[in-house]
Amino acid sequence: MPLCAQTISFPYGEIGGQLGGMYYLGDINNVPFKGTRPAIAAFYRHNFNVRYSAKALLSYGKLTASDSKYKNEFQKARDYSFNRGLVHFSVLGEFNFLPFIFGKKDMPFATYLQGGMGMGLFPGDAPTDKFIVDVPFGFGVKFNSHRKFVYGVDWMMIKTFTDNIDFKAPRPSEVNGIKQKYVASNNDWLSYFSIYLAYKFDYPQKCPTFD
């Protein structure tokens, strides 16, 4: 029985896991990476060719911030804090600046841009915005290490369309001016960064001989 030629063929897929950190930027915290908490994720990547890929990413992490950790006198008087778990799903397109194929020694690494659409769910007793829609974007670097494995570093900023992740929008029951003060035009941002390991698998293909 004739065999298919053992050449690298597109498309092919990857499954992988990520370990990293997640943080929030908003009315309580405006310092990148401050309040970072551990986060984990799993992803599936579909590689169309050496430049373009699509990725589905499911992550979980904690978002937290506290006015008491800042020297600002207004924040000390306001004394807000929050701690929320976030389940986040995103669908992203990726573009490699350099051509990249699993296991190719002459393609040791590639940097890439990514962007797409996402949605988040806040489980538990959150009083507002238990579900959000957002726009994630960022960049990463992937490295060839083995014919079937690749590792990399990935970073995303997540633009939300809400100012309520930290529960800071004014509530009718709050009459204290300190409690009500917030930046109405500034929606909250999230960020997720990680290292990852992925395993390559080939899709079933027919030999041209039998077509």
N, C-alpha and C. Protein backbone atom coordinates (compact mmCIF):
# COMPACT_ATOMS: atom_id res chain seq x y z
N MET A 1 0.85 -1.19 0.00
CA MET A 1 0.00 0.00 0.00
C MET A 1 0.89 1.24 0.00
N PRO A 2 0.70 2.14 -0.98
CA PRO A 2 1.51 3.36 -1.00
C PRO A 2 1.21 4.26 0.19
N LEU A 3 2.24 4.97 0.65
CA LEU A 3 2.09 5.86 1.79
C LEU A 3 2.14 7.30 1.34
N CYS A 4 1.50 8.18 2.13
CA CYS A 4 1.58 9.61 1.85
C CYS A 4 2.99 10.10 2.12
N ALA A 5 3.41 11.08 1.39
CA ALA A 5 4.73 11.66 1.63
C ALA A 5 4.78 12.29 3.02
N GLN A 6 5.86 12.06 3.72
CA GLN A 6 6.01 12.55 5.08
C GLN A 6 6.51 13.99 5.07
N THR A 7 5.65 14.89 4.66
CA THR A 7 5.99 16.31 4.61
C THR A 7 5.12 17.05 5.62
N ILE A 8 5.57 18.23 6.01
CA ILE A 8 4.79 19.06 6.91
C ILE A 8 3.60 19.61 6.15
N SER A 9 2.43 19.42 6.67
CA SER A 9 1.22 19.82 5.95
C SER A 9 0.36 20.71 6.84
N PHE A 10 -0.29 21.65 6.21
CA PHE A 10 -1.24 22.53 6.86
C PHE A 10 -2.64 22.17 6.37
N PRO A 11 -3.66 22.43 7.19
CA PRO A 11 -3.57 22.95 8.56
C PRO A 11 -3.22 21.87 9.57
N TYR A 12 -2.81 22.28 10.76
CA TYR A 12 -2.63 21.37 11.88
C TYR A 12 -3.04 22.08 13.16
N GLY A 13 -3.24 21.30 14.22
CA GLY A 13 -3.76 21.86 15.45
C GLY A 13 -2.79 21.76 16.62
N GLU A 14 -3.11 22.48 17.70
CA GLU A 14 -2.35 22.43 18.95
C GLU A 14 -3.34 22.47 20.12
N ILE A 15 -2.99 21.78 21.17
CA ILE A 15 -3.67 21.95 22.45
C ILE A 15 -2.61 22.29 23.49
N GLY A 16 -2.95 23.17 24.41
CA GLY A 16 -1.94 23.59 25.36
C GLY A 16 -2.50 24.11 26.66
N GLY A 17 -1.61 24.33 27.61
CA GLY A 17 -1.97 24.88 28.90
C GLY A 17 -1.10 26.08 29.23
N GLN A 18 -1.66 27.00 30.01
CA GLN A 18 -0.96 28.23 30.38
C GLN A 18 -0.98 28.41 31.89
N LEU A 19 0.07 29.03 32.39
CA LEU A 19 0.17 29.38 33.80
C LEU A 19 0.73 30.79 33.90
N GLY A 20 0.01 31.65 34.62
CA GLY A 20 0.47 33.03 34.68
C GLY A 20 -0.24 33.84 35.73
N GLY A 21 -0.51 35.12 35.41
CA GLY A 21 -1.13 36.03 36.37
C GLY A 21 -2.16 36.91 35.69
N MET A 22 -3.09 37.43 36.50
CA MET A 22 -4.16 38.30 36.02
C MET A 22 -4.28 39.49 36.96
N TYR A 23 -4.53 40.67 36.39
CA TYR A 23 -4.75 41.85 37.22
C TYR A 23 -5.77 42.78 36.58
N TYR A 24 -6.21 43.76 37.37
CA TYR A 24 -7.26 44.69 36.97
C TYR A 24 -6.75 46.12 37.02
N LEU A 25 -7.24 46.97 36.09
CA LEU A 25 -6.96 48.40 36.10
C LEU A 25 -8.29 49.15 36.07
N GLY A 26 -8.49 50.04 37.03
CA GLY A 26 -9.76 50.75 37.10
C GLY A 26 -9.72 51.84 38.15
N ASP A 27 -10.86 52.10 38.79
CA ASP A 27 -10.96 53.20 39.75
C ASP A 27 -10.13 52.98 41.01
N ILE A 28 -9.89 51.74 41.38
CA ILE A 28 -9.08 51.48 42.58
C ILE A 28 -7.61 51.35 42.23
N ASN A 29 -7.29 50.62 41.16
CA ASN A 29 -5.90 50.39 40.80
C ASN A 29 -5.61 50.93 39.40
N ASN A 30 -4.57 51.75 39.27
CA ASN A 30 -4.11 52.21 37.95
C ASN A 30 -2.63 51.93 37.73
N VAL A 31 -2.09 50.99 38.49
CA VAL A 31 -0.68 50.62 38.39
C VAL A 31 -0.56 49.24 37.75
N PRO A 32 0.01 49.13 36.54
CA PRO A 32 0.13 47.82 35.89
C PRO A 32 0.83 46.81 36.79
N PHE A 33 0.29 45.59 36.79
CA PHE A 33 0.80 44.43 37.51
C PHE A 33 0.55 44.49 39.02
N LYS A 34 0.10 45.61 39.55
CA LYS A 34 -0.20 45.66 40.99
C LYS A 34 -1.45 44.83 41.26
N GLY A 35 -1.41 44.01 42.29
CA GLY A 35 -2.54 43.15 42.62
C GLY A 35 -2.65 41.92 41.75
N THR A 36 -1.56 41.56 41.06
CA THR A 36 -1.60 40.36 40.21
C THR A 36 -1.86 39.11 41.04
N ARG A 37 -2.75 38.26 40.54
CA ARG A 37 -3.06 36.99 41.18
C ARG A 37 -2.87 35.85 40.19
N PRO A 38 -2.58 34.63 40.68
CA PRO A 38 -2.35 33.51 39.76
C PRO A 38 -3.56 33.23 38.88
N ALA A 39 -3.29 32.78 37.65
CA ALA A 39 -4.33 32.43 36.70
C ALA A 39 -3.87 31.24 35.87
N ILE A 40 -4.83 30.45 35.40
CA ILE A 40 -4.53 29.30 34.55
C ILE A 40 -5.41 29.35 33.32
N ALA A 41 -5.01 28.62 32.27
CA ALA A 41 -5.79 28.62 31.04
C ALA A 41 -5.49 27.37 30.24
N ALA A 42 -6.42 27.04 29.34
CA ALA A 42 -6.23 25.99 28.34
C ALA A 42 -6.63 26.57 27.00
N PHE A 43 -5.97 26.12 25.93
CA PHE A 43 -6.29 26.68 24.62
C PHE A 43 -6.19 25.62 23.53
N TYR A 44 -6.87 25.94 22.42
CA TYR A 44 -6.76 25.18 21.18
C TYR A 44 -6.39 26.16 20.08
N ARG A 45 -5.34 25.84 19.32
CA ARG A 45 -4.89 26.71 18.24
C ARG A 45 -4.96 25.96 16.91
N HIS A 46 -5.56 26.59 15.93
CA HIS A 46 -5.65 26.04 14.57
C HIS A 46 -4.70 26.84 13.69
N ASN A 47 -3.71 26.17 13.11
CA ASN A 47 -2.71 26.82 12.28
C ASN A 47 -3.06 26.67 10.81
N PHE A 48 -3.39 27.78 10.17
CA PHE A 48 -3.76 27.75 8.76
C PHE A 48 -2.53 27.61 7.86
N ASN A 49 -1.46 28.33 8.22
CA ASN A 49 -0.21 28.30 7.46
C ASN A 49 0.90 28.83 8.37
N VAL A 50 2.05 29.17 7.79
CA VAL A 50 3.19 29.58 8.62
C VAL A 50 2.99 30.95 9.26
N ARG A 51 1.98 31.71 8.84
CA ARG A 51 1.77 33.06 9.35
C ARG A 51 0.50 33.22 10.19
N TYR A 52 -0.57 32.54 9.81
CA TYR A 52 -1.88 32.83 10.40
C TYR A 52 -2.42 31.65 11.20
N SER A 53 -3.00 31.98 12.37
CA SER A 53 -3.60 30.98 13.24
C SER A 53 -4.87 31.56 13.87
N ALA A 54 -5.70 30.68 14.40
CA ALA A 54 -6.86 31.08 15.20
C ALA A 54 -6.81 30.31 16.51
N LYS A 55 -7.22 30.94 17.60
CA LYS A 55 -7.07 30.32 18.92
C LYS A 55 -8.32 30.53 19.76
N ALA A 56 -8.74 29.49 20.45
CA ALA A 56 -9.80 29.57 21.46
C ALA A 56 -9.14 29.38 22.82
N LEU A 57 -9.41 30.30 23.75
CA LEU A 57 -8.71 30.31 25.04
C LEU A 57 -9.73 30.39 26.17
N LEU A 58 -9.61 29.49 27.13
CA LEU A 58 -10.46 29.49 28.32
C LEU A 58 -9.56 29.66 29.54
N SER A 59 -9.79 30.71 30.32
CA SER A 59 -8.92 31.00 31.46
C SER A 59 -9.73 31.24 32.73
N TYR A 60 -9.05 31.10 33.85
CA TYR A 60 -9.65 31.41 35.15
C TYR A 60 -8.61 32.10 36.02
N GLY A 61 -9.04 33.18 36.68
CA GLY A 61 -8.15 33.89 37.58
C GLY A 61 -8.92 34.71 38.58
N LYS A 62 -8.20 35.40 39.45
CA LYS A 62 -8.79 36.26 40.47
C LYS A 62 -8.43 37.71 40.18
N LEU A 63 -9.40 38.60 40.41
CA LEU A 63 -9.17 40.03 40.32
C LEU A 63 -9.38 40.64 41.69
N THR A 64 -8.45 41.47 42.12
CA THR A 64 -8.56 42.04 43.44
C THR A 64 -7.88 43.40 43.50
N ALA A 65 -8.36 44.28 44.36
CA ALA A 65 -7.74 45.59 44.59
C ALA A 65 -8.29 46.15 45.89
N SER A 66 -7.51 47.01 46.53
CA SER A 66 -7.93 47.60 47.79
C SER A 66 -7.38 49.01 47.93
N ASP A 67 -8.26 49.96 48.28
CA ASP A 67 -7.83 51.34 48.51
C ASP A 67 -6.79 51.44 49.62
N SER A 68 -6.84 50.55 50.58
CA SER A 68 -5.95 50.62 51.74
C SER A 68 -4.49 50.41 51.37
N LYS A 69 -4.20 49.90 50.18
CA LYS A 69 -2.82 49.64 49.77
C LYS A 69 -2.19 50.83 49.07
N TYR A 70 -2.88 51.96 49.05
CA TYR A 70 -2.37 53.15 48.39
C TYR A 70 -2.18 54.29 49.39
N LYS A 71 -1.25 55.18 49.11
CA LYS A 71 -0.96 56.30 50.01
C LYS A 71 -1.90 57.47 49.78
N ASN A 72 -2.63 57.46 48.67
CA ASN A 72 -3.55 58.55 48.35
C ASN A 72 -4.58 58.72 49.46
N GLU A 73 -4.71 59.97 49.97
CA GLU A 73 -5.60 60.21 51.11
C GLU A 73 -7.07 59.98 50.75
N PHE A 74 -7.45 60.31 49.51
CA PHE A 74 -8.82 60.06 49.10
C PHE A 74 -9.14 58.57 49.14
N GLN A 75 -8.22 57.75 48.65
CA GLN A 75 -8.46 56.31 48.65
C GLN A 75 -8.51 55.76 50.06
N LYS A 76 -7.68 56.27 50.93
CA LYS A 76 -7.72 55.80 52.32
C LYS A 76 -9.07 56.13 52.96
N ALA A 77 -9.61 57.32 52.63
CA ALA A 77 -10.92 57.69 53.18
C ALA A 77 -12.05 56.88 52.55
N ARG A 78 -11.93 56.60 51.25
CA ARG A 78 -12.98 55.85 50.56
C ARG A 78 -13.00 54.39 51.03
N ASP A 79 -11.82 53.77 51.12
CA ASP A 79 -11.65 52.44 51.69
C ASP A 79 -12.49 51.36 51.00
N TYR A 80 -12.44 51.34 49.67
CA TYR A 80 -13.09 50.28 48.91
C TYR A 80 -12.13 49.12 48.71
N SER A 81 -12.68 47.93 48.50
CA SER A 81 -11.90 46.77 48.09
C SER A 81 -12.83 45.77 47.42
N PHE A 82 -12.26 44.89 46.62
CA PHE A 82 -13.06 43.82 46.01
C PHE A 82 -12.17 42.63 45.71
N ASN A 83 -12.79 41.49 45.54
CA ASN A 83 -12.09 40.24 45.23
C ASN A 83 -13.06 39.36 44.46
N ARG A 84 -12.81 39.15 43.16
CA ARG A 84 -13.74 38.43 42.31
C ARG A 84 -13.00 37.38 41.48
N GLY A 85 -13.61 36.21 41.34
CA GLY A 85 -13.11 35.22 40.41
C GLY A 85 -13.65 35.52 39.02
N LEU A 86 -12.88 35.21 37.98
CA LEU A 86 -13.29 35.46 36.59
C LEU A 86 -13.03 34.23 35.74
N VAL A 87 -14.08 33.75 35.07
CA VAL A 87 -13.95 32.74 34.02
C VAL A 87 -14.04 33.49 32.70
N HIS A 88 -13.01 33.39 31.88
CA HIS A 88 -12.96 34.19 30.64
C HIS A 88 -12.73 33.29 29.43
N PHE A 89 -13.51 33.54 28.37
CA PHE A 89 -13.37 32.81 27.11
C PHE A 89 -13.13 33.81 25.99
N SER A 90 -12.17 33.53 25.14
CA SER A 90 -11.89 34.43 24.02
C SER A 90 -11.57 33.63 22.76
N VAL A 91 -11.89 34.23 21.63
CA VAL A 91 -11.54 33.71 20.31
C VAL A 91 -10.65 34.74 19.65
N LEU A 92 -9.44 34.32 19.25
CA LEU A 92 -8.40 35.25 18.80
C LEU A 92 -7.83 34.84 17.46
N GLY A 93 -7.50 35.82 16.64
CA GLY A 93 -6.69 35.58 15.46
C GLY A 93 -5.25 35.93 15.76
N GLU A 94 -4.31 35.20 15.18
CA GLU A 94 -2.89 35.44 15.41
C GLU A 94 -2.15 35.64 14.09
N PHE A 95 -1.18 36.53 14.11
CA PHE A 95 -0.32 36.75 12.95
C PHE A 95 1.14 36.63 13.40
N ASN A 96 1.89 35.70 12.79
CA ASN A 96 3.31 35.53 13.08
C ASN A 96 4.14 36.49 12.24
N PHE A 97 5.02 37.27 12.89
CA PHE A 97 5.90 38.14 12.14
C PHE A 97 6.96 37.35 11.36
N LEU A 98 7.31 36.17 11.88
CA LEU A 98 8.23 35.28 11.19
C LEU A 98 7.50 33.98 10.88
N PRO A 99 7.82 33.32 9.76
CA PRO A 99 7.18 32.03 9.48
C PRO A 99 7.54 31.02 10.56
N PHE A 100 6.59 30.16 10.92
CA PHE A 100 6.81 29.23 12.02
C PHE A 100 6.14 27.89 11.73
N ILE A 101 6.91 26.81 11.92
CA ILE A 101 6.40 25.45 11.79
C ILE A 101 6.97 24.63 12.93
N PHE A 102 6.13 23.82 13.55
CA PHE A 102 6.58 22.94 14.63
C PHE A 102 7.76 22.10 14.19
N GLY A 103 8.81 22.05 15.03
CA GLY A 103 9.91 21.13 14.82
C GLY A 103 10.93 21.56 13.79
N LYS A 104 10.75 22.71 13.14
CA LYS A 104 11.71 23.15 12.13
C LYS A 104 12.87 23.89 12.80
N LYS A 105 14.06 23.32 12.71
CA LYS A 105 15.22 23.91 13.38
C LYS A 105 15.61 25.26 12.78
N ASP A 106 15.28 25.48 11.51
CA ASP A 106 15.60 26.76 10.90
C ASP A 106 14.52 27.82 11.18
N MET A 107 13.52 27.47 11.99
CA MET A 107 12.50 28.41 12.46
C MET A 107 12.43 28.32 13.98
N PRO A 108 13.46 28.76 14.69
CA PRO A 108 13.54 28.53 16.14
C PRO A 108 12.49 29.27 16.95
N PHE A 109 12.01 30.41 16.45
CA PHE A 109 11.02 31.17 17.22
C PHE A 109 10.24 32.08 16.29
N ALA A 110 9.15 32.62 16.80
CA ALA A 110 8.37 33.62 16.07
C ALA A 110 7.64 34.50 17.08
N THR A 111 7.59 35.78 16.82
CA THR A 111 6.75 36.70 17.60
C THR A 111 5.42 36.85 16.87
N TYR A 112 4.36 37.11 17.63
CA TYR A 112 3.04 37.21 17.00
C TYR A 112 2.18 38.27 17.68
N LEU A 113 1.26 38.80 16.90
CA LEU A 113 0.20 39.67 17.40
C LEU A 113 -1.09 38.87 17.49
N GLN A 114 -1.97 39.23 18.42
CA GLN A 114 -3.24 38.54 18.56
C GLN A 114 -4.34 39.54 18.91
N GLY A 115 -5.56 39.23 18.50
CA GLY A 115 -6.69 40.07 18.82
C GLY A 115 -7.99 39.36 18.47
N GLY A 116 -9.06 39.75 19.16
CA GLY A 116 -10.33 39.09 18.89
C GLY A 116 -11.45 39.60 19.77
N MET A 117 -12.34 38.69 20.16
CA MET A 117 -13.48 39.01 21.02
C MET A 117 -13.49 38.05 22.20
N GLY A 118 -14.00 38.53 23.34
CA GLY A 118 -14.06 37.69 24.52
C GLY A 118 -15.30 37.93 25.33
N MET A 119 -15.50 37.06 26.30
CA MET A 119 -16.61 37.22 27.24
C MET A 119 -16.17 36.66 28.59
N GLY A 120 -16.68 37.28 29.66
CA GLY A 120 -16.29 36.87 31.00
C GLY A 120 -17.49 36.63 31.88
N LEU A 121 -17.34 35.69 32.79
CA LEU A 121 -18.37 35.37 33.77
C LEU A 121 -17.77 35.47 35.16
N PHE A 122 -18.44 36.21 36.04
CA PHE A 122 -18.01 36.34 37.43
C PHE A 122 -18.92 35.48 38.30
N PRO A 123 -18.47 34.29 38.69
CA PRO A 123 -19.30 33.45 39.54
C PRO A 123 -19.39 34.01 40.96
N GLY A 124 -20.38 33.57 41.70
CA GLY A 124 -20.49 34.01 43.09
C GLY A 124 -21.57 35.06 43.27
N ASP A 125 -21.39 35.90 44.31
CA ASP A 125 -22.43 36.82 44.74
C ASP A 125 -22.19 38.25 44.27
N ALA A 126 -21.56 38.42 43.11
CA ALA A 126 -21.29 39.77 42.61
C ALA A 126 -22.59 40.53 42.39
N PRO A 127 -22.72 41.75 42.92
CA PRO A 127 -23.97 42.50 42.79
C PRO A 127 -24.21 43.09 41.41
N THR A 128 -23.16 43.31 40.62
CA THR A 128 -23.33 43.91 39.30
C THR A 128 -22.44 43.22 38.27
N ASP A 129 -22.85 43.31 37.00
CA ASP A 129 -22.04 42.83 35.88
C ASP A 129 -21.46 41.43 36.10
N LYS A 130 -22.33 40.47 36.21
CA LYS A 130 -21.87 39.08 36.34
C LYS A 130 -21.37 38.54 35.02
N PHE A 131 -21.75 39.21 33.91
CA PHE A 131 -21.35 38.77 32.57
C PHE A 131 -20.90 39.99 31.78
N ILE A 132 -19.75 39.89 31.11
CA ILE A 132 -19.24 41.00 30.30
C ILE A 132 -18.81 40.50 28.93
N VAL A 133 -18.84 41.40 27.96
CA VAL A 133 -18.27 41.17 26.63
C VAL A 133 -17.10 42.14 26.49
N ASP A 134 -15.99 41.68 25.90
CA ASP A 134 -14.79 42.52 25.87
C ASP A 134 -13.99 42.29 24.60
N VAL A 135 -12.90 43.06 24.48
CA VAL A 135 -12.00 42.96 23.32
C VAL A 135 -10.58 42.69 23.83
N PRO A 136 -10.10 41.45 23.69
CA PRO A 136 -8.72 41.13 24.09
C PRO A 136 -7.75 41.33 22.92
N PHE A 137 -6.54 41.79 23.23
CA PHE A 137 -5.50 41.91 22.21
C PHE A 137 -4.15 41.87 22.91
N GLY A 138 -3.10 41.54 22.16
CA GLY A 138 -1.78 41.46 22.77
C GLY A 138 -0.76 40.87 21.84
N PHE A 139 0.27 40.27 22.41
CA PHE A 139 1.35 39.70 21.61
C PHE A 139 1.95 38.52 22.36
N GLY A 140 2.84 37.80 21.69
CA GLY A 140 3.50 36.66 22.31
C GLY A 140 4.73 36.25 21.53
N VAL A 141 5.45 35.29 22.09
CA VAL A 141 6.62 34.69 21.45
C VAL A 141 6.51 33.19 21.62
N LYS A 142 6.73 32.45 20.54
CA LYS A 142 6.72 30.98 20.61
C LYS A 142 8.08 30.45 20.19
N PHE A 143 8.49 29.31 20.80
CA PHE A 143 9.81 28.73 20.56
C PHE A 143 9.66 27.26 20.23
N ASN A 144 10.40 26.82 19.22
CA ASN A 144 10.45 25.41 18.88
C ASN A 144 11.36 24.68 19.87
N SER A 145 10.86 23.55 20.40
CA SER A 145 11.68 22.76 21.31
C SER A 145 11.73 21.29 20.92
N HIS A 146 10.74 20.84 20.17
CA HIS A 146 10.62 19.42 19.84
C HIS A 146 9.68 19.30 18.66
N ARG A 147 9.73 18.17 18.00
CA ARG A 147 8.87 17.94 16.83
C ARG A 147 7.39 18.07 17.17
N LYS A 148 7.01 17.76 18.41
CA LYS A 148 5.60 17.79 18.79
C LYS A 148 5.26 18.82 19.87
N PHE A 149 6.26 19.54 20.38
CA PHE A 149 5.99 20.49 21.46
C PHE A 149 6.56 21.87 21.12
N VAL A 150 5.86 22.88 21.62
CA VAL A 150 6.33 24.24 21.51
C VAL A 150 6.00 24.95 22.82
N TYR A 151 6.84 25.90 23.22
CA TYR A 151 6.56 26.67 24.44
C TYR A 151 6.63 28.15 24.10
N GLY A 152 6.06 28.97 24.97
CA GLY A 152 6.06 30.38 24.65
C GLY A 152 5.64 31.26 25.82
N VAL A 153 5.60 32.56 25.53
CA VAL A 153 5.18 33.58 26.47
C VAL A 153 4.06 34.37 25.80
N ASP A 154 2.99 34.65 26.56
CA ASP A 154 1.81 35.28 25.97
C ASP A 154 1.31 36.39 26.90
N TRP A 155 0.88 37.51 26.31
CA TRP A 155 0.37 38.64 27.10
C TRP A 155 -0.82 39.25 26.41
N MET A 156 -1.87 39.55 27.19
CA MET A 156 -3.08 40.14 26.64
C MET A 156 -3.56 41.28 27.52
N MET A 157 -4.01 42.36 26.90
CA MET A 157 -4.82 43.37 27.55
C MET A 157 -6.26 43.13 27.13
N ILE A 158 -7.19 43.36 28.04
CA ILE A 158 -8.61 43.10 27.77
C ILE A 158 -9.40 44.37 28.04
N LYS A 159 -9.92 44.96 26.98
CA LYS A 159 -10.73 46.18 27.10
C LYS A 159 -12.17 45.79 27.38
N THR A 160 -12.70 46.20 28.51
CA THR A 160 -14.10 45.93 28.84
C THR A 160 -14.95 47.16 28.52
N PHE A 161 -16.26 46.98 28.58
CA PHE A 161 -17.19 48.08 28.31
C PHE A 161 -18.03 48.38 29.55
N THR A 162 -17.41 48.18 30.71
CA THR A 162 -18.09 48.41 31.97
C THR A 162 -17.15 49.08 32.96
N ASP A 163 -17.71 49.84 33.88
CA ASP A 163 -16.94 50.43 34.97
C ASP A 163 -17.34 49.80 36.30
N ASN A 164 -17.97 48.62 36.24
CA ASN A 164 -18.52 48.00 37.44
C ASN A 164 -17.79 46.75 37.91
N ILE A 165 -16.67 46.40 37.30
CA ILE A 165 -15.96 45.21 37.74
C ILE A 165 -15.54 45.35 39.20
N ASP A 166 -15.18 46.56 39.60
CA ASP A 166 -14.79 46.81 40.98
C ASP A 166 -15.96 47.31 41.84
N PHE A 167 -17.21 47.25 41.31
CA PHE A 167 -18.41 47.71 42.02
C PHE A 167 -18.37 49.21 42.29
N LYS A 168 -17.66 49.97 41.47
CA LYS A 168 -17.43 51.37 41.80
C LYS A 168 -18.40 52.35 41.17
N ALA A 169 -19.30 51.89 40.31
CA ALA A 169 -20.28 52.83 39.76
C ALA A 169 -21.16 53.32 40.91
N PRO A 170 -21.62 54.59 40.86
CA PRO A 170 -22.40 55.12 41.98
C PRO A 170 -23.73 54.40 42.12
N ARG A 171 -24.14 54.18 43.37
CA ARG A 171 -25.40 53.52 43.65
C ARG A 171 -26.35 54.51 44.31
N PRO A 172 -27.64 54.44 43.98
CA PRO A 172 -28.60 55.42 44.53
C PRO A 172 -28.61 55.48 46.04
N SER A 173 -28.29 54.38 46.70
CA SER A 173 -28.36 54.33 48.16
C SER A 173 -27.17 55.02 48.82
N GLU A 174 -26.13 55.37 48.03
CA GLU A 174 -24.94 55.96 48.61
C GLU A 174 -25.01 57.48 48.49
N VAL A 175 -25.06 58.14 49.60
CA VAL A 175 -25.15 59.60 49.60
C VAL A 175 -23.85 60.26 50.00
N ASN A 176 -22.90 59.47 50.45
CA ASN A 176 -21.60 59.98 50.84
C ASN A 176 -20.81 60.36 49.59
N GLY A 177 -20.37 61.61 49.49
CA GLY A 177 -19.66 62.06 48.30
C GLY A 177 -18.40 61.29 48.04
N ILE A 178 -17.72 60.87 49.10
CA ILE A 178 -16.49 60.09 48.93
C ILE A 178 -16.82 58.76 48.28
N LYS A 179 -17.90 58.12 48.71
CA LYS A 179 -18.28 56.83 48.15
C LYS A 179 -18.68 56.96 46.69
N GLN A 180 -19.25 58.10 46.31
CA GLN A 180 -19.77 58.24 44.96
C GLN A 180 -18.70 58.62 43.94
N LYS A 181 -17.57 59.11 44.38
CA LYS A 181 -16.60 59.63 43.43
C LYS A 181 -15.97 58.49 42.62
N TYR A 182 -16.04 58.61 41.31
CA TYR A 182 -15.44 57.64 40.41
C TYR A 182 -15.26 58.31 39.06
N VAL A 183 -14.56 57.65 38.13
CA VAL A 183 -14.31 58.23 36.81
C VAL A 183 -15.28 57.60 35.83
N ALA A 184 -16.36 58.30 35.51
CA ALA A 184 -17.45 57.72 34.73
C ALA A 184 -17.02 57.33 33.33
N SER A 185 -16.04 58.02 32.75
CA SER A 185 -15.67 57.77 31.36
C SER A 185 -14.61 56.69 31.21
N ASN A 186 -14.08 56.20 32.32
CA ASN A 186 -13.00 55.22 32.26
C ASN A 186 -13.53 53.82 32.55
N ASN A 187 -13.71 53.01 31.51
CA ASN A 187 -14.10 51.62 31.72
C ASN A 187 -12.91 50.83 32.25
N ASP A 188 -13.22 49.75 32.95
CA ASP A 188 -12.17 48.91 33.54
C ASP A 188 -11.43 48.11 32.47
N TRP A 189 -10.17 47.82 32.76
CA TRP A 189 -9.33 46.97 31.91
C TRP A 189 -8.87 45.77 32.73
N LEU A 190 -8.59 44.69 32.03
CA LEU A 190 -8.01 43.49 32.62
C LEU A 190 -6.76 43.13 31.85
N SER A 191 -5.89 42.36 32.46
CA SER A 191 -4.70 41.88 31.77
C SER A 191 -4.37 40.47 32.23
N TYR A 192 -3.91 39.67 31.27
CA TYR A 192 -3.53 38.28 31.56
C TYR A 192 -2.21 37.99 30.85
N PHE A 193 -1.21 37.52 31.60
CA PHE A 193 0.08 37.15 31.00
C PHE A 193 0.46 35.76 31.49
N SER A 194 1.21 35.02 30.66
CA SER A 194 1.45 33.62 31.01
C SER A 194 2.64 33.06 30.24
N ILE A 195 3.10 31.90 30.70
CA ILE A 195 3.95 31.01 29.92
C ILE A 195 3.09 29.82 29.53
N TYR A 196 3.43 29.16 28.43
CA TYR A 196 2.59 28.05 28.00
C TYR A 196 3.39 26.94 27.33
N LEU A 197 2.79 25.77 27.29
CA LEU A 197 3.33 24.61 26.59
C LEU A 197 2.22 24.02 25.75
N ALA A 198 2.52 23.72 24.49
CA ALA A 198 1.50 23.20 23.57
C ALA A 198 2.00 21.94 22.87
N TYR A 199 1.05 21.07 22.54
CA TYR A 199 1.32 19.81 21.84
C TYR A 199 0.68 19.86 20.45
N LYS A 200 1.44 19.50 19.44
CA LYS A 200 0.93 19.51 18.07
C LYS A 200 0.27 18.18 17.73
N PHE A 201 -0.84 18.27 16.99
CA PHE A 201 -1.43 17.06 16.41
C PHE A 201 -1.87 17.37 14.98
N ASP A 202 -1.72 16.35 14.13
CA ASP A 202 -2.08 16.49 12.72
C ASP A 202 -3.52 16.04 12.50
N TYR A 203 -4.19 16.74 11.61
CA TYR A 203 -5.55 16.34 11.24
C TYR A 203 -5.48 15.16 10.28
N PRO A 204 -6.50 14.29 10.30
CA PRO A 204 -6.54 13.18 9.34
C PRO A 204 -6.52 13.70 7.91
N GLN A 205 -5.69 13.09 7.07
CA GLN A 205 -5.59 13.51 5.67
C GLN A 205 -5.63 12.29 4.76
N LYS A 206 -6.16 12.50 3.58
CA LYS A 206 -6.19 11.46 2.57
C LYS A 206 -4.98 11.60 1.66
N CYS A 207 -4.42 10.45 1.27
CA CYS A 207 -3.34 10.47 0.29
C CYS A 207 -3.89 10.85 -1.07
N PRO A 208 -3.21 11.72 -1.81
CA PRO A 208 -3.70 12.07 -3.15
C PRO A 208 -3.87 10.88 -4.06
N THR A 209 -3.11 9.78 -3.82
CA THR A 209 -3.18 8.58 -4.65
C THR A 209 -4.60 8.01 -4.68
N PHE A 210 -5.33 8.17 -3.54
CA PHE A 210 -6.64 7.54 -3.43
C PHE A 210 -7.78 8.50 -3.71
N ASP A 211 -7.49 9.78 -4.05
CA ASP A 211 -8.55 10.74 -4.36
C ASP A 211 -9.17 10.46 -5.71
